[in-house]
Structures are given as structure tokens and as C-alpha cells.
Amino acid sequence: MQNQQKNKVFILNYIKDHNYNDAKRFGRLQIVTKGNVNIFDVGRLKLNIKDALNVMGFKSETDHLLISGGNIIGFALGLALSLLGVKRCNLLLWNAKECKYFNREVSI
């Protein structure tokens, strides 16, 4: 558990009414964006996500990405990861039936 707390979970779009407690199993929670984002300026959203991941020290080998919010945020994330040269990442996927997150490693 101590090693996992060195890892980070990057929440792409924090939604105040969602419970992220289970994601803490995978690392310390980091908020990339919060609330409403301008989905009509994908270029700016992509750069904001890229810059935030850089500043917060995202490490694709050990950290996790939790995609929340609209589909366009996931699309902007893909663009940002491409700009960062990321080849693989860990995604946390919510399983509503089991009420917990599962890790999936994704090659880009």
C-alpha cells in the first residue's frame, strides 16, 4: 500500500457528486480539470490536459488515468498523450455492478 501511495490517479474531470474513494487504492488523487470545460475548444482542452499532466508529474508506467466527464475529455486526453509521446497508460474503469474501479493497461 505504501508504494501505491507514491503512484497518482489523475482524474480528468472532477465531478463533485461522484465518489472517487475506491480509486485511492491505486494512488493519490490528482485533479486535472474540474466542473465545466469548454468542449468546443478541443485544441485548448488538449493543451490544458497536457500541461497539467506535465506539471503534476504524470508517469505513464506507474500512474493511472481516470476518465470522467464527457466523451470529448477522453478524446482530448488521447491527443494530449500523443503530444507527450506516451506509448502506454493505465486506465481506471468504473464497474457499476461491483462498485469499484479496475485497472486496464492500454497501448497507444
Protein backbone atom coordinates (compact mmCIF):
# COMPACT_ATOMS: atom_id res chain seq x y z
CA MET A 1 0.00 0.00 0.00
CA GLN A 2 2.82 2.41 0.80
CA ASN A 3 4.28 2.00 -2.72
CA GLN A 4 0.90 2.67 -4.29
CA GLN A 5 0.61 5.99 -2.48
CA LYS A 6 3.65 7.15 -4.45
CA ASN A 7 1.55 6.49 -7.55
CA LYS A 8 -1.02 9.02 -8.67
CA VAL A 9 -4.52 8.78 -10.06
CA PHE A 10 -5.25 11.64 -12.45
CA ILE A 11 -8.97 12.48 -12.51
CA LEU A 12 -9.55 14.04 -15.92
CA ASN A 13 -12.66 15.97 -14.94
CA TYR A 14 -13.58 16.03 -11.27
CA ILE A 15 -17.33 15.88 -10.69
CA LYS A 16 -18.29 16.81 -7.13
CA ASP A 17 -21.19 14.36 -6.85
CA HIS A 18 -19.11 11.32 -7.83
CA ASN A 19 -17.46 9.18 -5.17
CA TYR A 20 -13.79 8.57 -6.06
CA ASN A 21 -12.86 6.76 -2.82
CA ASP A 22 -12.20 3.39 -4.47
CA ALA A 23 -9.68 4.99 -6.86
CA LYS A 24 -7.47 5.76 -3.85
CA ARG A 25 -6.44 2.07 -3.89
CA PHE A 26 -4.34 2.91 -6.95
CA GLY A 27 -2.67 6.08 -5.70
CA ARG A 28 -3.04 9.67 -4.57
CA LEU A 29 -5.85 11.53 -6.34
CA GLN A 30 -4.89 14.46 -8.58
CA ILE A 31 -7.49 16.66 -10.27
CA VAL A 32 -6.68 17.66 -13.86
CA THR A 33 -9.86 19.64 -14.64
CA LYS A 34 -12.90 20.42 -12.54
CA GLY A 35 -16.51 21.18 -13.42
CA ASN A 36 -17.49 22.59 -16.77
CA VAL A 37 -14.86 22.66 -19.51
CA ASN A 38 -15.18 24.24 -22.95
CA ILE A 39 -15.86 21.20 -25.15
CA PHE A 40 -15.97 23.41 -28.24
CA ASP A 41 -12.28 24.30 -28.00
CA VAL A 42 -10.71 20.83 -28.14
CA GLY A 43 -7.32 22.30 -29.03
CA ARG A 44 -7.19 24.37 -25.83
CA LEU A 45 -8.57 21.46 -23.74
CA LYS A 46 -5.90 19.15 -25.15
CA LEU A 47 -3.15 21.62 -24.26
CA ASN A 48 -4.60 22.22 -20.78
CA ILE A 49 -4.61 18.46 -20.10
CA LYS A 50 -1.09 18.02 -21.50
CA ASP A 51 0.26 20.90 -19.43
CA ALA A 52 -1.47 19.70 -16.26
CA LEU A 53 -0.11 16.16 -16.66
CA ASN A 54 3.38 17.61 -17.16
CA VAL A 55 3.20 19.94 -14.16
CA MET A 56 1.75 17.23 -11.89
CA GLY A 57 4.48 14.78 -12.89
CA PHE A 58 2.42 12.13 -14.72
CA LYS A 59 4.39 8.87 -15.17
CA SER A 60 2.66 6.56 -17.63
CA GLU A 61 4.47 3.48 -16.27
CA THR A 62 3.07 3.75 -12.74
CA ASP A 63 0.28 6.33 -12.60
CA HIS A 64 -3.37 5.88 -13.56
CA LEU A 65 -5.83 7.93 -15.58
CA LEU A 66 -9.45 8.09 -14.50
CA ILE A 67 -11.59 9.41 -17.34
CA SER A 68 -14.67 11.19 -16.07
CA GLY A 69 -16.82 13.80 -17.71
CA GLY A 70 -17.92 13.83 -21.33
CA ASN A 71 -16.55 11.88 -24.28
CA ILE A 72 -14.69 14.90 -25.59
CA ILE A 73 -12.48 14.85 -22.48
CA GLY A 74 -11.38 11.31 -23.32
CA PHE A 75 -10.67 12.39 -26.88
CA ALA A 76 -8.65 15.41 -25.70
CA LEU A 77 -6.74 13.10 -23.34
CA GLY A 78 -5.77 10.87 -26.26
CA LEU A 79 -4.47 13.88 -28.16
CA ALA A 80 -2.56 15.12 -25.10
CA LEU A 81 -0.96 11.71 -24.51
CA SER A 82 0.10 11.63 -28.14
CA LEU A 83 1.78 15.04 -27.77
CA LEU A 84 3.57 13.76 -24.64
CA GLY A 85 4.86 10.72 -26.53
CA VAL A 86 3.10 8.25 -24.23
CA LYS A 87 3.10 4.69 -25.63
CA ARG A 88 1.07 3.00 -22.88
CA CYS A 89 -1.01 4.02 -19.89
CA ASN A 90 -3.10 2.64 -17.07
CA LEU A 91 -6.81 3.47 -17.21
CA LEU A 92 -9.16 3.06 -14.30
CA LEU A 93 -12.56 1.86 -15.46
CA TRP A 94 -15.62 2.01 -13.21
CA ASN A 95 -17.65 -1.18 -12.81
CA ALA A 96 -21.07 -0.05 -11.60
CA LYS A 97 -22.18 -3.60 -10.81
CA GLU A 98 -19.26 -4.19 -8.41
CA CYS A 99 -18.97 -0.51 -7.38
CA LYS A 100 -15.23 -0.39 -7.86
CA TYR A 101 -12.52 0.57 -10.33
CA PHE A 102 -10.50 -1.86 -12.39
CA ASN A 103 -7.13 -1.14 -13.97
CA ARG A 104 -6.65 -1.71 -17.68
CA GLU A 105 -3.29 -1.22 -19.37
CA VAL A 106 -3.70 0.36 -22.79
CA SER A 107 -1.13 0.60 -25.57
CA ILE A 108 -1.42 3.74 -27.66
